[in-house]
């Protein structure tokens, strides 16, 4: 999978989590789980939740 495609999948998962739980109720761990990746890989693409 390309880096750009992985990034898009993470963004889609994050939007879904934010819609369900709000920004404050969403953790990077929950975004990683929704994207079926490790939290470390999430931080490789995005340095913070913001």
C-alpha atoms as a PDB file:
ATOM      1  CA  UNK A   1       0.000   0.000   0.000  1.00  0.00           C
ATOM      2  CA  UNK A   2       1.323   3.430  -0.857  1.00  0.00           C
ATOM      3  CA  UNK A   3       1.952   6.022   1.807  1.00  0.00           C
ATOM      4  CA  UNK A   4      -0.690   8.316   0.273  1.00  0.00           C
ATOM      5  CA  UNK A   5      -3.316   5.586   0.297  1.00  0.00           C
ATOM      6  CA  UNK A   6      -2.503   4.670   3.912  1.00  0.00           C
ATOM      7  CA  UNK A   7      -2.796   8.349   4.873  1.00  0.00           C
ATOM      8  CA  UNK A   8      -6.225   8.574   3.215  1.00  0.00           C
ATOM      9  CA  UNK A   9      -7.419   5.457   5.066  1.00  0.00           C
ATOM     10  CA  UNK A  10      -6.259   6.939   8.368  1.00  0.00           C
ATOM     11  CA  UNK A  11      -8.076  10.206   7.638  1.00  0.00           C
ATOM     12  CA  UNK A  12     -11.276   8.310   6.812  1.00  0.00           C
ATOM     13  CA  UNK A  13     -11.041   6.342  10.052  1.00  0.00           C
ATOM     14  CA  UNK A  14     -10.363   9.522  12.041  1.00  0.00           C
ATOM     15  CA  UNK A  15     -13.381  11.308  10.539  1.00  0.00           C
ATOM     16  CA  UNK A  16     -15.580   8.371  11.473  1.00  0.00           C
ATOM     17  CA  UNK A  17     -14.248   8.330  15.049  1.00  0.00           C
ATOM     18  CA  UNK A  18     -14.658  12.114  15.402  1.00  0.00           C
ATOM     19  CA  UNK A  19     -18.236  11.904  14.107  1.00  0.00           C
ATOM     20  CA  UNK A  20     -19.107   9.170  16.612  1.00  0.00           C
ATOM     21  CA  UNK A  21     -17.223  10.291  19.712  1.00  0.00           C
ATOM     22  CA  UNK A  22     -16.314  13.937  19.109  1.00  0.00           C
ATOM     23  CA  UNK A  23     -12.792  15.310  19.027  1.00  0.00           C
ATOM     24  CA  UNK A  24     -12.227  15.075  22.777  1.00  0.00           C
ATOM     25  CA  UNK A  25     -13.703  11.579  22.993  1.00  0.00           C
ATOM     26  CA  UNK A  26     -11.469  10.210  20.238  1.00  0.00           C
ATOM     27  CA  UNK A  27      -8.010   8.888  21.023  1.00  0.00           C
ATOM     28  CA  UNK A  28      -5.147   8.181  18.662  1.00  0.00           C
ATOM     29  CA  UNK A  29      -5.419   4.582  19.820  1.00  0.00           C
ATOM     30  CA  UNK A  30      -9.053   4.405  18.686  1.00  0.00           C
ATOM     31  CA  UNK A  31      -8.210   5.974  15.316  1.00  0.00           C
ATOM     32  CA  UNK A  32      -5.404   3.456  14.819  1.00  0.00           C
ATOM     33  CA  UNK A  33      -7.738   0.584  15.693  1.00  0.00           C
ATOM     34  CA  UNK A  34     -10.401   1.861  13.278  1.00  0.00           C
ATOM     35  CA  UNK A  35      -7.760   2.066  10.526  1.00  0.00           C
ATOM     36  CA  UNK A  36      -6.453  -1.421  11.437  1.00  0.00           C
ATOM     37  CA  UNK A  37      -2.923  -0.136  12.025  1.00  0.00           C
ATOM     38  CA  UNK A  38      -0.644   0.323  15.010  1.00  0.00           C
ATOM     39  CA  UNK A  39      -0.597   3.590  16.903  1.00  0.00           C
ATOM     40  CA  UNK A  40       3.112   3.913  15.997  1.00  0.00           C
ATOM     41  CA  UNK A  41       2.254   3.789  12.288  1.00  0.00           C
ATOM     42  CA  UNK A  42      -0.421   6.431  12.816  1.00  0.00           C
ATOM     43  CA  UNK A  43       2.206   8.716  14.380  1.00  0.00           C
ATOM     44  CA  UNK A  44       4.521   8.063  11.434  1.00  0.00           C
ATOM     45  CA  UNK A  45       1.919   9.713   9.195  1.00  0.00           C
ATOM     46  CA  UNK A  46       0.516  12.269  11.666  1.00  0.00           C
ATOM     47  CA  UNK A  47       2.637  13.633  14.555  1.00  0.00           C
ATOM     48  CA  UNK A  48      -0.395  14.482  16.712  1.00  0.00           C
ATOM     49  CA  UNK A  49      -4.141  14.082  16.935  1.00  0.00           C
ATOM     50  CA  UNK A  50      -4.597  17.680  15.813  1.00  0.00           C
END
